[in-house]
Protein backbone atom coordinates (compact mmCIF):
# COMPACT_ATOMS: atom_id res chain seq x y z
CA UNK A 1 -21.81 23.39 9.80
CA UNK A 2 -24.53 21.32 8.18
CA UNK A 3 -25.96 18.63 10.42
CA UNK A 4 -27.99 17.07 7.62
CA UNK A 5 -25.02 15.58 5.74
CA UNK A 6 -25.29 11.85 5.06
CA UNK A 7 -22.86 9.35 3.58
CA UNK A 8 -24.35 6.64 1.39
CA UNK A 9 -22.05 3.82 0.40
CA UNK A 10 -22.06 3.76 -3.37
CA UNK A 11 -22.77 0.69 -5.46
CA UNK A 12 -22.46 -0.15 -9.13
CA UNK A 13 -25.96 1.33 -9.53
CA UNK A 14 -24.38 4.77 -8.86
CA UNK A 15 -21.75 4.40 -11.60
CA UNK A 16 -23.18 7.00 -14.02
CA UNK A 17 -23.71 9.58 -11.27
CA UNK A 18 -20.17 9.05 -9.99
CA UNK A 19 -18.69 9.33 -13.48
CA UNK A 20 -20.45 12.67 -13.93
CA UNK A 21 -19.07 13.92 -10.61
CA UNK A 22 -15.60 12.62 -11.48
CA UNK A 23 -15.66 14.47 -14.80
CA UNK A 24 -16.47 17.68 -12.91
CA UNK A 25 -13.70 17.03 -10.38
CA UNK A 26 -11.09 16.30 -13.04
CA UNK A 27 -12.12 19.21 -15.29
CA UNK A 28 -9.56 21.67 -13.94
CA UNK A 29 -6.97 19.34 -12.46
CA UNK A 30 -6.20 16.33 -14.64
CA UNK A 31 -7.26 14.53 -17.82
CA UNK A 32 -10.52 12.63 -17.56
CA UNK A 33 -10.60 9.48 -19.69
CA UNK A 34 -14.10 7.99 -19.35
CA UNK A 35 -13.12 4.39 -20.17
CA UNK A 36 -10.31 4.37 -17.59
CA UNK A 37 -12.49 6.07 -14.99
CA UNK A 38 -15.34 3.62 -15.56
CA UNK A 39 -13.05 0.61 -15.28
CA UNK A 40 -11.34 1.83 -12.10
CA UNK A 41 -14.58 2.93 -10.47
CA UNK A 42 -16.32 -0.35 -11.34
CA UNK A 43 -13.40 -2.23 -9.79
CA UNK A 44 -13.64 -0.55 -6.39
CA UNK A 45 -17.44 -0.58 -6.36
CA UNK A 46 -17.43 -4.36 -6.92
CA UNK A 47 -14.54 -5.27 -4.61
CA UNK A 48 -14.60 -3.96 -1.02
CA UNK A 49 -11.04 -5.27 -0.52
CA UNK A 50 -9.95 -2.28 -2.61
CA UNK A 51 -11.87 0.25 -0.52
CA UNK A 52 -15.10 2.17 -0.50
CA UNK A 53 -16.89 5.00 -2.27
CA UNK A 54 -19.50 7.14 -0.56
CA UNK A 55 -21.91 9.66 -1.99
CA UNK A 56 -21.98 12.82 0.12
CA UNK A 57 -25.59 13.88 0.40
CA UNK A 58 -27.52 16.81 1.80
CA UNK A 59 -31.30 16.70 1.92
CA UNK A 60 -31.36 13.64 -0.38
CA UNK A 61 -29.30 15.48 -3.01
CA UNK A 62 -25.78 14.31 -3.89
CA UNK A 63 -23.29 17.14 -3.37
CA UNK A 64 -20.09 15.14 -3.85
CA UNK A 65 -18.27 11.89 -3.26
CA UNK A 66 -15.29 10.49 -1.42
CA UNK A 67 -13.13 7.45 -2.17
CA UNK A 68 -11.16 5.57 0.50
CA UNK A 69 -8.69 2.97 -0.78
CA UNK A 70 -7.17 0.33 1.48
CA UNK A 71 -3.57 -0.78 1.81
CA UNK A 72 -1.08 -2.19 4.26
CA UNK A 73 2.03 -0.58 5.69
CA UNK A 74 4.81 -2.06 7.78
CA UNK A 75 5.93 1.44 8.69
CA UNK A 76 2.53 2.31 10.17
CA UNK A 77 2.00 -1.08 11.79
CA UNK A 78 -0.76 -2.60 9.68
CA UNK A 79 -3.65 -1.50 7.54
CA UNK A 80 -3.53 1.98 6.11
CA UNK A 81 -5.87 3.89 3.86
CA UNK A 82 -5.70 6.66 1.30
CA UNK A 83 -8.28 9.33 0.59
CA UNK A 84 -8.01 8.86 -3.14
CA UNK A 85 -10.61 11.44 -4.12
CA UNK A 86 -12.75 13.93 -2.25
CA UNK A 87 -14.99 16.13 -4.36
CA UNK A 88 -17.66 18.62 -3.43
CA UNK A 89 -19.60 20.61 -5.98
CA UNK A 90 -18.44 24.25 -5.94
CA UNK A 91 -21.76 25.51 -4.54
CA UNK A 92 -21.40 23.19 -1.53
CA UNK A 93 -17.87 24.15 -0.51
CA UNK A 94 -16.87 26.28 2.49
CA UNK A 95 -19.90 25.13 4.49
CA UNK A 96 -18.30 22.53 6.76
CA UNK A 97 -19.16 19.54 4.56
CA UNK A 98 -15.51 18.74 3.87
CA UNK A 99 -14.76 18.80 7.60
CA UNK A 100 -17.70 16.50 8.29
CA UNK A 101 -16.51 14.17 5.55
CA UNK A 102 -13.02 13.97 7.04
CA UNK A 103 -14.46 13.25 10.50
CA UNK A 104 -16.62 10.52 8.96
CA UNK A 105 -13.52 8.99 7.35
CA UNK A 106 -11.58 9.15 10.62
CA UNK A 107 -14.38 7.34 12.45
CA UNK A 108 -14.62 4.77 9.65
CA UNK A 109 -10.86 4.18 9.72
CA UNK A 110 -10.88 3.66 13.48
CA UNK A 111 -13.72 1.14 13.11
CA UNK A 112 -11.72 -0.70 10.43
CA UNK A 113 -8.59 -0.71 12.66
CA UNK A 114 -6.69 1.37 10.13
CA UNK A 115 -3.44 2.70 11.56
CA UNK A 116 -2.80 5.64 9.20
CA UNK A 117 -4.83 7.70 6.77
CA UNK A 118 -3.04 9.42 3.87
CA UNK A 119 -4.04 11.96 1.24
CA UNK A 120 -2.57 14.12 -1.49
CA UNK A 121 -3.24 17.81 -1.86
CA UNK A 122 -2.15 20.09 -4.68
CA UNK A 123 0.59 22.47 -3.58
CA UNK A 124 -1.39 25.35 -5.07
CA UNK A 125 -4.64 24.64 -3.22
CA UNK A 126 -4.34 26.60 0.03
CA UNK A 127 -8.02 26.20 1.01
CA UNK A 128 -7.76 22.41 0.92
CA UNK A 129 -4.41 22.45 2.73
CA UNK A 130 -5.95 24.64 5.45
CA UNK A 131 -8.83 22.17 5.87
CA UNK A 132 -6.50 19.18 6.12
CA UNK A 133 -4.22 20.96 8.59
CA UNK A 134 -7.22 21.92 10.74
CA UNK A 135 -8.41 18.31 11.10
CA UNK A 136 -4.98 16.93 11.98
CA UNK A 137 -3.20 15.97 8.77
CA UNK A 138 0.47 16.87 8.72
CA UNK A 139 2.78 17.51 5.81
CA UNK A 140 5.80 15.26 6.19
CA UNK A 141 9.29 15.65 4.87
CA UNK A 142 8.66 13.06 2.18
CA UNK A 143 7.43 13.73 -1.30
CA UNK A 144 4.89 11.35 -2.78
CA UNK A 145 6.30 10.11 -6.06
CA UNK A 146 4.41 8.01 -8.54
CA UNK A 147 5.23 5.71 -11.43
CA UNK A 148 2.23 4.91 -13.57
CA UNK A 149 1.75 1.68 -15.51
CA UNK A 150 -0.71 1.94 -18.39
């Protein structure tokens, strides 16, 4: 496991870098629409009530990013959060960086008095599911369903 991983809270100054990373992340999973991505990313970077974005760095080089969005849940007894996106460049995977990132998010959530942390994982991504299982996430009986408004 790499001990030299750092998490830098992103700002609007990191917008272009983050958009490049997002395009890489979306390349094989979902459509990437630059205007929508820029608008959504600008919104969270400029409003901490929505959540936070961190650059994942190793030796001063950005190897990925993670987005934590904030919500509120009666079921979970207060504030909850969602790991909206977690991306590591392919060359930086399987080295413990994802595990470190999840531990960082757990610590952050505890500091923010967040009662539950949620995430989505593709059914056909066994490596990611294994990682999330290993750090304590559990698959529930519910299915996350989504209605989009565009």
